[in-house]
Amino acid sequence: PLPFLVCAGLIGLVTFALSVAAVEIGKRAGDRFSAQAEVAGGVVLIG
């Protein structure tokens, strides 16, 4: 639906934003949710 480079840029931007949030969560909450996040991502890709 979008030019390829825009799609790649979107992937990079989303990763940037979520990585900022992840470090902050890690500083405050520990690793309790990291495995659940990876499982959720895997299910989305398969779907």
ModelCIF file with pLDDT and N, C-alpha, C, O atoms, coordinates in Angstrom:
data_MODEL
#
_entry.id   MODEL 
#
_entity.id                         1 
_entity.type                       polymer 
_entity.pdbx_number_of_molecules   1 
#
_entity_poly.entity_id                      1 
_entity_poly.type                           'polypeptide(L)' 
_entity_poly.nstd_linkage                   no 
_entity_poly.nstd_monomer                   no 
_entity_poly.pdbx_seq_one_letter_code       PLPFLVCAGLIGLVTFALSVAAVEIGKRAGDRFSAQAEVAGGVVLIG 
_entity_poly.pdbx_seq_one_letter_code_can   PLPFLVCAGLIGLVTFALSVAAVEIGKRAGDRFSAQAEVAGGVVLIG 
_entity_poly.pdbx_strand_id                 A 
#
loop_
_entity_poly_seq.entity_id 
_entity_poly_seq.num 
_entity_poly_seq.mon_id 
_entity_poly_seq.hetero 
1 1  PRO n 
1 2  LEU n 
1 3  PRO n 
1 4  PHE n 
1 5  LEU n 
1 6  VAL n 
1 7  CYS n 
1 8  ALA n 
1 9  GLY n 
1 10 LEU n 
1 11 ILE n 
1 12 GLY n 
1 13 LEU n 
1 14 VAL n 
1 15 THR n 
1 16 PHE n 
1 17 ALA n 
1 18 LEU n 
1 19 SER n 
1 20 VAL n 
1 21 ALA n 
1 22 ALA n 
1 23 VAL n 
1 24 GLU n 
1 25 ILE n 
1 26 GLY n 
1 27 LYS n 
1 28 ARG n 
1 29 ALA n 
1 30 GLY n 
1 31 ASP n 
1 32 ARG n 
1 33 PHE n 
1 34 SER n 
1 35 ALA n 
1 36 GLN n 
1 37 ALA n 
1 38 GLU n 
1 39 VAL n 
1 40 ALA n 
1 41 GLY n 
1 42 GLY n 
1 43 VAL n 
1 44 VAL n 
1 45 LEU n 
1 46 ILE n 
1 47 GLY n 
#
_struct_asym.id          A 
_struct_asym.entity_id   1 
#
loop_
_ma_qa_metric.id 
_ma_qa_metric.mode 
_ma_qa_metric.name 
_ma_qa_metric.software_group_id 
_ma_qa_metric.type 
1 global pLDDT . pLDDT 
2 local  pLDDT . pLDDT 
#
_ma_qa_metric_global.metric_id      1 
_ma_qa_metric_global.metric_value   80.47 
_ma_qa_metric_global.model_id       1 
_ma_qa_metric_global.ordinal_id     1 
#
loop_
_ma_qa_metric_local.label_asym_id 
_ma_qa_metric_local.label_comp_id 
_ma_qa_metric_local.label_seq_id 
_ma_qa_metric_local.metric_id 
_ma_qa_metric_local.metric_value 
_ma_qa_metric_local.model_id 
_ma_qa_metric_local.ordinal_id 
A PRO 1  2 83.00 1 1  
A LEU 2  2 86.00 1 2  
A PRO 3  2 88.00 1 3  
A PHE 4  2 87.00 1 4  
A LEU 5  2 90.00 1 5  
A VAL 6  2 92.00 1 6  
A CYS 7  2 90.00 1 7  
A ALA 8  2 91.00 1 8  
A GLY 9  2 93.00 1 9  
A LEU 10 2 93.00 1 10 
A ILE 11 2 93.00 1 11 
A GLY 12 2 94.00 1 12 
A LEU 13 2 95.00 1 13 
A VAL 14 2 95.00 1 14 
A THR 15 2 94.00 1 15 
A PHE 16 2 96.00 1 16 
A ALA 17 2 95.00 1 17 
A LEU 18 2 93.00 1 18 
A SER 19 2 93.00 1 19 
A VAL 20 2 93.00 1 20 
A ALA 21 2 92.00 1 21 
A ALA 22 2 88.00 1 22 
A VAL 23 2 89.00 1 23 
A GLU 24 2 88.00 1 24 
A ILE 25 2 86.00 1 25 
A GLY 26 2 81.00 1 26 
A LYS 27 2 81.00 1 27 
A ARG 28 2 79.00 1 28 
A ALA 29 2 69.00 1 29 
A GLY 30 2 55.00 1 30 
A ASP 31 2 53.00 1 31 
A ARG 32 2 59.00 1 32 
A PHE 33 2 59.00 1 33 
A SER 34 2 60.00 1 34 
A ALA 35 2 63.00 1 35 
A GLN 36 2 66.00 1 36 
A ALA 37 2 64.00 1 37 
A GLU 38 2 66.00 1 38 
A VAL 39 2 73.00 1 39 
A ALA 40 2 69.00 1 40 
A GLY 41 2 62.00 1 41 
A GLY 42 2 71.00 1 42 
A VAL 43 2 79.00 1 43 
A VAL 44 2 70.00 1 44 
A LEU 45 2 67.00 1 45 
A ILE 46 2 80.00 1 46 
A GLY 47 2 79.00 1 47 
#
loop_
_atom_site.group_PDB 
_atom_site.id 
_atom_site.type_symbol 
_atom_site.label_atom_id 
_atom_site.label_alt_id 
_atom_site.label_comp_id 
_atom_site.label_asym_id 
_atom_site.label_entity_id 
_atom_site.label_seq_id 
_atom_site.pdbx_PDB_ins_code 
_atom_site.Cartn_x 
_atom_site.Cartn_y 
_atom_site.Cartn_z 
_atom_site.occupancy 
_atom_site.B_iso_or_equiv 
_atom_site.pdbx_formal_charge 
_atom_site.auth_seq_id 
_atom_site.auth_comp_id 
_atom_site.auth_asym_id 
_atom_site.auth_atom_id 
_atom_site.pdbx_PDB_model_num 
ATOM 1   N N  . PRO A 1 1  ? 0.793  -1.232  0.000  1.00 83.00 ? 1  PRO A N  1 
ATOM 2   C CA . PRO A 1 1  ? 0.000  0.000   0.000  1.00 83.00 ? 1  PRO A CA 1 
ATOM 3   C C  . PRO A 1 1  ? 0.826  1.283   0.000  1.00 83.00 ? 1  PRO A C  1 
ATOM 4   O O  . PRO A 1 1  ? 0.303  2.353   -0.312 1.00 83.00 ? 1  PRO A O  1 
ATOM 5   N N  . LEU A 1 2  ? 2.113  1.187   0.347  1.00 86.00 ? 2  LEU A N  1 
ATOM 6   C CA . LEU A 1 2  ? 2.987  2.356   0.436  1.00 86.00 ? 2  LEU A CA 1 
ATOM 7   C C  . LEU A 1 2  ? 4.286  2.065   -0.309 1.00 86.00 ? 2  LEU A C  1 
ATOM 8   O O  . LEU A 1 2  ? 4.635  0.901   -0.503 1.00 86.00 ? 2  LEU A O  1 
ATOM 9   N N  . PRO A 1 3  ? 5.015  3.116   -0.735 1.00 88.00 ? 3  PRO A N  1 
ATOM 10  C CA . PRO A 1 3  ? 6.337  2.870   -1.316 1.00 88.00 ? 3  PRO A CA 1 
ATOM 11  C C  . PRO A 1 3  ? 7.202  2.060   -0.352 1.00 88.00 ? 3  PRO A C  1 
ATOM 12  O O  . PRO A 1 3  ? 7.102  2.206   0.867  1.00 88.00 ? 3  PRO A O  1 
ATOM 13  N N  . PHE A 1 4  ? 8.045  1.212   -0.914 1.00 87.00 ? 4  PHE A N  1 
ATOM 14  C CA . PHE A 1 4  ? 8.817  0.289   -0.094 1.00 87.00 ? 4  PHE A CA 1 
ATOM 15  C C  . PHE A 1 4  ? 9.644  0.998   0.971  1.00 87.00 ? 4  PHE A C  1 
ATOM 16  O O  . PHE A 1 4  ? 9.663  0.567   2.124  1.00 87.00 ? 4  PHE A O  1 
ATOM 17  N N  . LEU A 1 5  ? 10.335 2.089   0.600  1.00 90.00 ? 5  LEU A N  1 
ATOM 18  C CA . LEU A 1 5  ? 11.188 2.778   1.563  1.00 90.00 ? 5  LEU A CA 1 
ATOM 19  C C  . LEU A 1 5  ? 10.376 3.390   2.698  1.00 90.00 ? 5  LEU A C  1 
ATOM 20  O O  . LEU A 1 5  ? 10.872 3.509   3.819  1.00 90.00 ? 5  LEU A O  1 
ATOM 21  N N  . VAL A 1 6  ? 9.131  3.780   2.418  1.00 92.00 ? 6  VAL A N  1 
ATOM 22  C CA . VAL A 1 6  ? 8.262  4.299   3.473  1.00 92.00 ? 6  VAL A CA 1 
ATOM 23  C C  . VAL A 1 6  ? 7.935  3.173   4.462  1.00 92.00 ? 6  VAL A C  1 
ATOM 24  O O  . VAL A 1 6  ? 7.918  3.384   5.675  1.00 92.00 ? 6  VAL A O  1 
ATOM 25  N N  . CYS A 1 7  ? 7.676  1.974   3.924  1.00 90.00 ? 7  CYS A N  1 
ATOM 26  C CA . CYS A 1 7  ? 7.414  0.810   4.792  1.00 90.00 ? 7  CYS A CA 1 
ATOM 27  C C  . CYS A 1 7  ? 8.618  0.512   5.681  1.00 90.00 ? 7  CYS A C  1 
ATOM 28  O O  . CYS A 1 7  ? 8.471  0.277   6.880  1.00 90.00 ? 7  CYS A O  1 
ATOM 29  N N  . ALA A 1 8  ? 9.812  0.524   5.083  1.00 91.00 ? 8  ALA A N  1 
ATOM 30  C CA . ALA A 1 8  ? 11.030 0.271   5.855  1.00 91.00 ? 8  ALA A CA 1 
ATOM 31  C C  . ALA A 1 8  ? 11.244 1.364   6.904  1.00 91.00 ? 8  ALA A C  1 
ATOM 32  O O  . ALA A 1 8  ? 11.645 1.082   8.033  1.00 91.00 ? 8  ALA A O  1 
ATOM 33  N N  . GLY A 1 9  ? 10.969 2.616   6.516  1.00 93.00 ? 9  GLY A N  1 
ATOM 34  C CA . GLY A 1 9  ? 11.086 3.722   7.462  1.00 93.00 ? 9  GLY A CA 1 
ATOM 35  C C  . GLY A 1 9  ? 10.112 3.590   8.617  1.00 93.00 ? 9  GLY A C  1 
ATOM 36  O O  . GLY A 1 9  ? 10.445 3.897   9.762  1.00 93.00 ? 9  GLY A O  1 
ATOM 37  N N  . LEU A 1 10 ? 8.905  3.129   8.308  1.00 93.00 ? 10 LEU A N  1 
ATOM 38  C CA . LEU A 1 10 ? 7.903  2.917   9.360  1.00 93.00 ? 10 LEU A CA 1 
ATOM 39  C C  . LEU A 1 10 ? 8.367  1.856   10.350 1.00 93.00 ? 10 LEU A C  1 
ATOM 40  O O  . LEU A 1 10 ? 8.190  2.004   11.560 1.00 93.00 ? 10 LEU A O  1 
ATOM 41  N N  . ILE A 1 11 ? 8.964  0.781   9.826  1.00 93.00 ? 11 ILE A N  1 
ATOM 42  C CA . ILE A 1 11 ? 9.498  -0.273  10.704 1.00 93.00 ? 11 ILE A CA 1 
ATOM 43  C C  . ILE A 1 11 ? 10.571 0.299   11.629 1.00 93.00 ? 11 ILE A C  1 
ATOM 44  O O  . ILE A 1 11 ? 10.596 0.005   12.824 1.00 93.00 ? 11 ILE A O  1 
ATOM 45  N N  . GLY A 1 12 ? 11.458 1.122   11.061 1.00 94.00 ? 12 GLY A N  1 
ATOM 46  C CA . GLY A 1 12 ? 12.516 1.739   11.866 1.00 94.00 ? 12 GLY A CA 1 
ATOM 47  C C  . GLY A 1 12 ? 11.968 2.685   12.927 1.00 94.00 ? 12 GLY A C  1 
ATOM 48  O O  . GLY A 1 12 ? 12.426 2.663   14.070 1.00 94.00 ? 12 GLY A O  1 
ATOM 49  N N  . LEU A 1 13 ? 10.985 3.521   12.559 1.00 95.00 ? 13 LEU A N  1 
ATOM 50  C CA . LEU A 1 13 ? 10.412 4.477   13.500 1.00 95.00 ? 13 LEU A CA 1 
ATOM 51  C C  . LEU A 1 13 ? 9.665  3.792   14.643 1.00 95.00 ? 13 LEU A C  1 
ATOM 52  O O  . LEU A 1 13 ? 9.778  4.191   15.802 1.00 95.00 ? 13 LEU A O  1 
ATOM 53  N N  . VAL A 1 14 ? 8.896  2.750   14.296 1.00 95.00 ? 14 VAL A N  1 
ATOM 54  C CA . VAL A 1 14 ? 8.166  2.005   15.324 1.00 95.00 ? 14 VAL A CA 1 
ATOM 55  C C  . VAL A 1 14 ? 9.152  1.367   16.299 1.00 95.00 ? 14 VAL A C  1 
ATOM 56  O O  . VAL A 1 14 ? 8.948  1.400   17.512 1.00 95.00 ? 14 VAL A O  1 
ATOM 57  N N  . THR A 1 15 ? 10.224 0.783   15.754 1.00 94.00 ? 15 THR A N  1 
ATOM 58  C CA . THR A 1 15 ? 11.230 0.157   16.614 1.00 94.00 ? 15 THR A CA 1 
ATOM 59  C C  . THR A 1 15 ? 11.888 1.186   17.516 1.00 94.00 ? 15 THR A C  1 
ATOM 60  O O  . THR A 1 15 ? 12.120 0.923   18.696 1.00 94.00 ? 15 THR A O  1 
ATOM 61  N N  . PHE A 1 16 ? 12.190 2.362   16.968 1.00 96.00 ? 16 PHE A N  1 
ATOM 62  C CA . PHE A 1 16 ? 12.795 3.433   17.768 1.00 96.00 ? 16 PHE A CA 1 
ATOM 63  C C  . PHE A 1 16 ? 11.889 3.801   18.942 1.00 96.00 ? 16 PHE A C  1 
ATOM 64  O O  . PHE A 1 16 ? 12.334 3.856   20.088 1.00 96.00 ? 16 PHE A O  1 
ATOM 65  N N  . ALA A 1 17 ? 10.604 4.054   18.641 1.00 95.00 ? 17 ALA A N  1 
ATOM 66  C CA . ALA A 1 17 ? 9.671  4.476   19.688 1.00 95.00 ? 17 ALA A CA 1 
ATOM 67  C C  . ALA A 1 17 ? 9.492  3.402   20.754 1.00 95.00 ? 17 ALA A C  1 
ATOM 68  O O  . ALA A 1 17 ? 9.507  3.695   21.950 1.00 95.00 ? 17 ALA A O  1 
ATOM 69  N N  . LEU A 1 18 ? 9.322  2.153   20.313 1.00 93.00 ? 18 LEU A N  1 
ATOM 70  C CA . LEU A 1 18 ? 9.111  1.074   21.280 1.00 93.00 ? 18 LEU A CA 1 
ATOM 71  C C  . LEU A 1 18 ? 10.373 0.766   22.083 1.00 93.00 ? 18 LEU A C  1 
ATOM 72  O O  . LEU A 1 18 ? 10.293 0.322   23.228 1.00 93.00 ? 18 LEU A O  1 
ATOM 73  N N  . SER A 1 19 ? 11.539 1.003   21.477 1.00 93.00 ? 19 SER A N  1 
ATOM 74  C CA . SER A 1 19 ? 12.793 0.764   22.202 1.00 93.00 ? 19 SER A CA 1 
ATOM 75  C C  . SER A 1 19 ? 12.980 1.785   23.325 1.00 93.00 ? 19 SER A C  1 
ATOM 76  O O  . SER A 1 19 ? 13.452 1.443   24.409 1.00 93.00 ? 19 SER A O  1 
ATOM 77  N N  . VAL A 1 20 ? 12.610 3.033   23.060 1.00 93.00 ? 20 VAL A N  1 
ATOM 78  C CA . VAL A 1 20 ? 12.662 4.050   24.124 1.00 93.00 ? 20 VAL A CA 1 
ATOM 79  C C  . VAL A 1 20 ? 11.770 3.613   25.287 1.00 93.00 ? 20 VAL A C  1 
ATOM 80  O O  . VAL A 1 20 ? 12.179 3.639   26.447 1.00 93.00 ? 20 VAL A O  1 
ATOM 81  N N  . ALA A 1 21 ? 10.531 3.208   24.946 1.00 92.00 ? 21 ALA A N  1 
ATOM 82  C CA . ALA A 1 21 ? 9.599  2.752   25.982 1.00 92.00 ? 21 ALA A CA 1 
ATOM 83  C C  . ALA A 1 21 ? 10.143 1.528   26.714 1.00 92.00 ? 21 ALA A C  1 
ATOM 84  O O  . ALA A 1 21 ? 9.997  1.415   27.931 1.00 92.00 ? 21 ALA A O  1 
ATOM 85  N N  . ALA A 1 22 ? 10.770 0.610   25.973 1.00 88.00 ? 22 ALA A N  1 
ATOM 86  C CA . ALA A 1 22 ? 11.262 -0.634  26.570 1.00 88.00 ? 22 ALA A CA 1 
ATOM 87  C C  . ALA A 1 22 ? 12.344 -0.376  27.604 1.00 88.00 ? 22 ALA A C  1 
ATOM 88  O O  . ALA A 1 22 ? 12.333 -0.975  28.679 1.00 88.00 ? 22 ALA A O  1 
ATOM 89  N N  . VAL A 1 23 ? 13.282 0.514   27.285 1.00 89.00 ? 23 VAL A N  1 
ATOM 90  C CA . VAL A 1 23 ? 14.352 0.814   28.243 1.00 89.00 ? 23 VAL A CA 1 
ATOM 91  C C  . VAL A 1 23 ? 13.756 1.422   29.514 1.00 89.00 ? 23 VAL A C  1 
ATOM 92  O O  . VAL A 1 23 ? 14.150 1.077   30.628 1.00 89.00 ? 23 VAL A O  1 
ATOM 93  N N  . GLU A 1 24 ? 12.799 2.334   29.324 1.00 88.00 ? 24 GLU A N  1 
ATOM 94  C CA . GLU A 1 24 ? 12.165 2.955   30.499 1.00 88.00 ? 24 GLU A CA 1 
ATOM 95  C C  . GLU A 1 24 ? 11.416 1.912   31.342 1.00 88.00 ? 24 GLU A C  1 
ATOM 96  O O  . GLU A 1 24 ? 11.482 1.931   32.572 1.00 88.00 ? 24 GLU A O  1 
ATOM 97  N N  . ILE A 1 25 ? 10.708 1.009   30.665 1.00 86.00 ? 25 ILE A N  1 
ATOM 98  C CA . ILE A 1 25 ? 9.997  -0.049  31.389 1.00 86.00 ? 25 ILE A CA 1 
ATOM 99  C C  . ILE A 1 25 ? 10.991 -0.944  32.119 1.00 86.00 ? 25 ILE A C  1 
ATOM 100 O O  . ILE A 1 25 ? 10.770 -1.318  33.270 1.00 86.00 ? 25 ILE A O  1 
ATOM 101 N N  . GLY A 1 26 ? 12.093 -1.287  31.441 1.00 81.00 ? 26 GLY A N  1 
ATOM 102 C CA . GLY A 1 26 ? 13.121 -2.118  32.060 1.00 81.00 ? 26 GLY A CA 1 
ATOM 103 C C  . GLY A 1 26 ? 13.703 -1.466  33.301 1.00 81.00 ? 26 GLY A C  1 
ATOM 104 O O  . GLY A 1 26 ? 13.969 -2.141  34.295 1.00 81.00 ? 26 GLY A O  1 
ATOM 105 N N  . LYS A 1 27 ? 13.904 -0.147  33.248 1.00 81.00 ? 27 LYS A N  1 
ATOM 106 C CA . LYS A 1 27 ? 14.441 0.572   34.401 1.00 81.00 ? 27 LYS A CA 1 
ATOM 107 C C  . LYS A 1 27 ? 13.493 0.505   35.600 1.00 81.00 ? 27 LYS A C  1 
ATOM 108 O O  . LYS A 1 27 ? 13.928 0.519   36.751 1.00 81.00 ? 27 LYS A O  1 
ATOM 109 N N  . ARG A 1 28 ? 12.194 0.431   35.312 1.00 79.00 ? 28 ARG A N  1 
ATOM 110 C CA . ARG A 1 28 ? 11.203 0.508   36.382 1.00 79.00 ? 28 ARG A CA 1 
ATOM 111 C C  . ARG A 1 28 ? 10.599 -0.844  36.779 1.00 79.00 ? 28 ARG A C  1 
ATOM 112 O O  . ARG A 1 28 ? 10.335 -1.092  37.955 1.00 79.00 ? 28 ARG A O  1 
ATOM 113 N N  . ALA A 1 29 ? 10.384 -1.713  35.788 1.00 69.00 ? 29 ALA A N  1 
ATOM 114 C CA . ALA A 1 29 ? 9.573  -2.911  36.061 1.00 69.00 ? 29 ALA A CA 1 
ATOM 115 C C  . ALA A 1 29 ? 10.327 -4.222  35.920 1.00 69.00 ? 29 ALA A C  1 
ATOM 116 O O  . ALA A 1 29 ? 9.790  -5.270  36.281 1.00 69.00 ? 29 ALA A O  1 
ATOM 117 N N  . GLY A 1 30 ? 11.539 -4.204  35.413 1.00 55.00 ? 30 GLY A N  1 
ATOM 118 C CA . GLY A 1 30 ? 12.261 -5.459  35.242 1.00 55.00 ? 30 GLY A CA 1 
ATOM 119 C C  . GLY A 1 30 ? 11.824 -6.189  33.986 1.00 55.00 ? 30 GLY A C  1 
ATOM 120 O O  . GLY A 1 30 ? 11.220 -5.601  33.089 1.00 55.00 ? 30 GLY A O  1 
ATOM 121 N N  . ASP A 1 31 ? 12.140 -7.497  33.929 1.00 53.00 ? 31 ASP A N  1 
ATOM 122 C CA . ASP A 1 31 ? 11.948 -8.268  32.691 1.00 53.00 ? 31 ASP A CA 1 
ATOM 123 C C  . ASP A 1 31 ? 10.681 -9.107  32.689 1.00 53.00 ? 31 ASP A C  1 
ATOM 124 O O  . ASP A 1 31 ? 10.596 -10.093 31.958 1.00 53.00 ? 31 ASP A O  1 
ATOM 125 N N  . ARG A 1 32 ? 9.690  -8.730  33.501 1.00 59.00 ? 32 ARG A N  1 
ATOM 126 C CA . ARG A 1 32 ? 8.504  -9.581  33.634 1.00 59.00 ? 32 ARG A CA 1 
ATOM 127 C C  . ARG A 1 32 ? 7.707  -9.705  32.339 1.00 59.00 ? 32 ARG A C  1 
ATOM 128 O O  . ARG A 1 32 ? 7.003  -10.694 32.136 1.00 59.00 ? 32 ARG A O  1 
ATOM 129 N N  . PHE A 1 33 ? 7.814  -8.701  31.456 1.00 59.00 ? 33 PHE A N  1 
ATOM 130 C CA . PHE A 1 33 ? 6.957  -8.701  30.270 1.00 59.00 ? 33 PHE A CA 1 
ATOM 131 C C  . PHE A 1 33 ? 7.701  -8.983  28.973 1.00 59.00 ? 33 PHE A C  1 
ATOM 132 O O  . PHE A 1 33 ? 7.080  -9.023  27.910 1.00 59.00 ? 33 PHE A O  1 
ATOM 133 N N  . SER A 1 34 ? 9.026  -9.181  29.032 1.00 60.00 ? 34 SER A N  1 
ATOM 134 C CA . SER A 1 34 ? 9.790  -9.310  27.789 1.00 60.00 ? 34 SER A CA 1 
ATOM 135 C C  . SER A 1 34 ? 9.406  -10.564 27.001 1.00 60.00 ? 34 SER A C  1 
ATOM 136 O O  . SER A 1 34 ? 9.263  -10.505 25.780 1.00 60.00 ? 34 SER A O  1 
ATOM 137 N N  . ALA A 1 35 ? 9.239  -11.695 27.688 1.00 63.00 ? 35 ALA A N  1 
ATOM 138 C CA . ALA A 1 35 ? 8.888  -12.940 26.995 1.00 63.00 ? 35 ALA A CA 1 
ATOM 139 C C  . ALA A 1 35 ? 7.495  -12.838 26.389 1.00 63.00 ? 35 ALA A C  1 
ATOM 140 O O  . ALA A 1 35 ? 7.270  -13.292 25.267 1.00 63.00 ? 35 ALA A O  1 
ATOM 141 N N  . GLN A 1 36 ? 6.545  -12.235 27.136 1.00 66.00 ? 36 GLN A N  1 
ATOM 142 C CA . GLN A 1 36 ? 5.187  -12.081 26.606 1.00 66.00 ? 36 GLN A CA 1 
ATOM 143 C C  . GLN A 1 36 ? 5.179  -11.203 25.360 1.00 66.00 ? 36 GLN A C  1 
ATOM 144 O O  . GLN A 1 36 ? 4.411  -11.452 24.431 1.00 66.00 ? 36 GLN A O  1 
ATOM 145 N N  . ALA A 1 37 ? 6.034  -10.175 25.334 1.00 64.00 ? 37 ALA A N  1 
ATOM 146 C CA . ALA A 1 37 ? 6.111  -9.290  24.176 1.00 64.00 ? 37 ALA A CA 1 
ATOM 147 C C  . ALA A 1 37 ? 6.576  -10.049 22.941 1.00 64.00 ? 37 ALA A C  1 
ATOM 148 O O  . ALA A 1 37 ? 6.031  -9.860  21.854 1.00 64.00 ? 37 ALA A O  1 
ATOM 149 N N  . GLU A 1 38 ? 7.579  -10.906 23.102 1.00 66.00 ? 38 GLU A N  1 
ATOM 150 C CA . GLU A 1 38 ? 8.090  -11.675 21.969 1.00 66.00 ? 38 GLU A CA 1 
ATOM 151 C C  . GLU A 1 38 ? 7.052  -12.682 21.461 1.00 66.00 ? 38 GLU A C  1 
ATOM 152 O O  . GLU A 1 38 ? 6.908  -12.868 20.253 1.00 66.00 ? 38 GLU A O  1 
ATOM 153 N N  . VAL A 1 39 ? 6.333  -13.328 22.378 1.00 73.00 ? 39 VAL A N  1 
ATOM 154 C CA . VAL A 1 39 ? 5.292  -14.278 21.973 1.00 73.00 ? 39 VAL A CA 1 
ATOM 155 C C  . VAL A 1 39 ? 4.197  -13.549 21.199 1.00 73.00 ? 39 VAL A C  1 
ATOM 156 O O  . VAL A 1 39 ? 3.742  -14.037 20.164 1.00 73.00 ? 39 VAL A O  1 
ATOM 157 N N  . ALA A 1 40 ? 3.770  -12.384 21.691 1.00 69.00 ? 40 ALA A N  1 
ATOM 158 C CA . ALA A 1 40 ? 2.731  -11.612 21.003 1.00 69.00 ? 40 ALA A CA 1 
ATOM 159 C C  . ALA A 1 40 ? 3.187  -11.225 19.598 1.00 69.00 ? 40 ALA A C  1 
ATOM 160 O O  . ALA A 1 40 ? 2.415  -11.316 18.644 1.00 69.00 ? 40 ALA A O  1 
ATOM 161 N N  . GLY A 1 41 ? 4.447  -10.794 19.473 1.00 62.00 ? 41 GLY A N  1 
ATOM 162 C CA . GLY A 1 41 ? 4.974  -10.450 18.155 1.00 62.00 ? 41 GLY A CA 1 
ATOM 163 C C  . GLY A 1 41 ? 4.993  -11.637 17.219 1.00 62.00 ? 41 GLY A C  1 
ATOM 164 O O  . GLY A 1 41 ? 4.673  -11.504 16.037 1.00 62.00 ? 41 GLY A O  1 
ATOM 165 N N  . GLY A 1 42 ? 5.366  -12.803 17.735 1.00 71.00 ? 42 GLY A N  1 
ATOM 166 C CA . GLY A 1 42 ? 5.383  -14.018 16.921 1.00 71.00 ? 42 GLY A CA 1 
ATOM 167 C C  . GLY A 1 42 ? 4.005  -14.395 16.426 1.00 71.00 ? 42 GLY A C  1 
ATOM 168 O O  . GLY A 1 42 ? 3.841  -14.774 15.266 1.00 71.00 ? 42 GLY A O  1 
ATOM 169 N N  . VAL A 1 43 ? 3.004  -14.295 17.302 1.00 79.00 ? 43 VAL A N  1 
ATOM 170 C CA . VAL A 1 43 ? 1.623  -14.620 16.913 1.00 79.00 ? 43 VAL A CA 1 
ATOM 171 C C  . VAL A 1 43 ? 1.134  -13.671 15.818 1.00 79.00 ? 43 VAL A C  1 
ATOM 172 O O  . VAL A 1 43 ? 0.467  -14.100 14.877 1.00 79.00 ? 43 VAL A O  1 
ATOM 173 N N  . VAL A 1 44 ? 1.464  -12.383 15.939 1.00 70.00 ? 44 VAL A N  1 
ATOM 174 C CA . VAL A 1 44 ? 1.052  -11.400 14.920 1.00 70.00 ? 44 VAL A CA 1 
ATOM 175 C C  . VAL A 1 44 ? 1.655  -11.750 13.562 1.00 70.00 ? 44 VAL A C  1 
ATOM 176 O O  . VAL A 1 44 ? 0.955  -11.727 12.550 1.00 70.00 ? 44 VAL A O  1 
ATOM 177 N N  . LEU A 1 45 ? 2.948  -12.074 13.531 1.00 67.00 ? 45 LEU A N  1 
ATOM 178 C CA . LEU A 1 45 ? 3.606  -12.414 12.262 1.00 67.00 ? 45 LEU A CA 1 
ATOM 179 C C  . LEU A 1 45 ? 2.971  -13.650 11.623 1.00 67.00 ? 45 LEU A C  1 
ATOM 180 O O  . LEU A 1 45 ? 2.725  -13.665 10.417 1.00 67.00 ? 45 LEU A O  1 
ATOM 181 N N  . ILE A 1 46 ? 2.707  -14.677 12.420 1.00 80.00 ? 46 ILE A N  1 
ATOM 182 C CA . ILE A 1 46 ? 2.077  -15.895 11.885 1.00 80.00 ? 46 ILE A CA 1 
ATOM 183 C C  . ILE A 1 46 ? 0.692  -15.573 11.336 1.00 80.00 ? 46 ILE A C  1 
ATOM 184 O O  . ILE A 1 46 ? 0.326  -16.044 10.259 1.00 80.00 ? 46 ILE A O  1 
ATOM 185 N N  . GLY A 1 47 ? -0.085 -14.770 12.073 1.00 79.00 ? 47 GLY A N  1 
ATOM 186 C CA . GLY A 1 47 ? -1.434 -14.414 11.632 1.00 79.00 ? 47 GLY A CA 1 
ATOM 187 C C  . GLY A 1 47 ? -1.445 -13.667 10.315 1.00 79.00 ? 47 GLY A C  1 
ATOM 188 O O  . GLY A 1 47 ? -2.512 -13.303 9.821  1.00 79.00 ? 47 GLY A O  1 
#
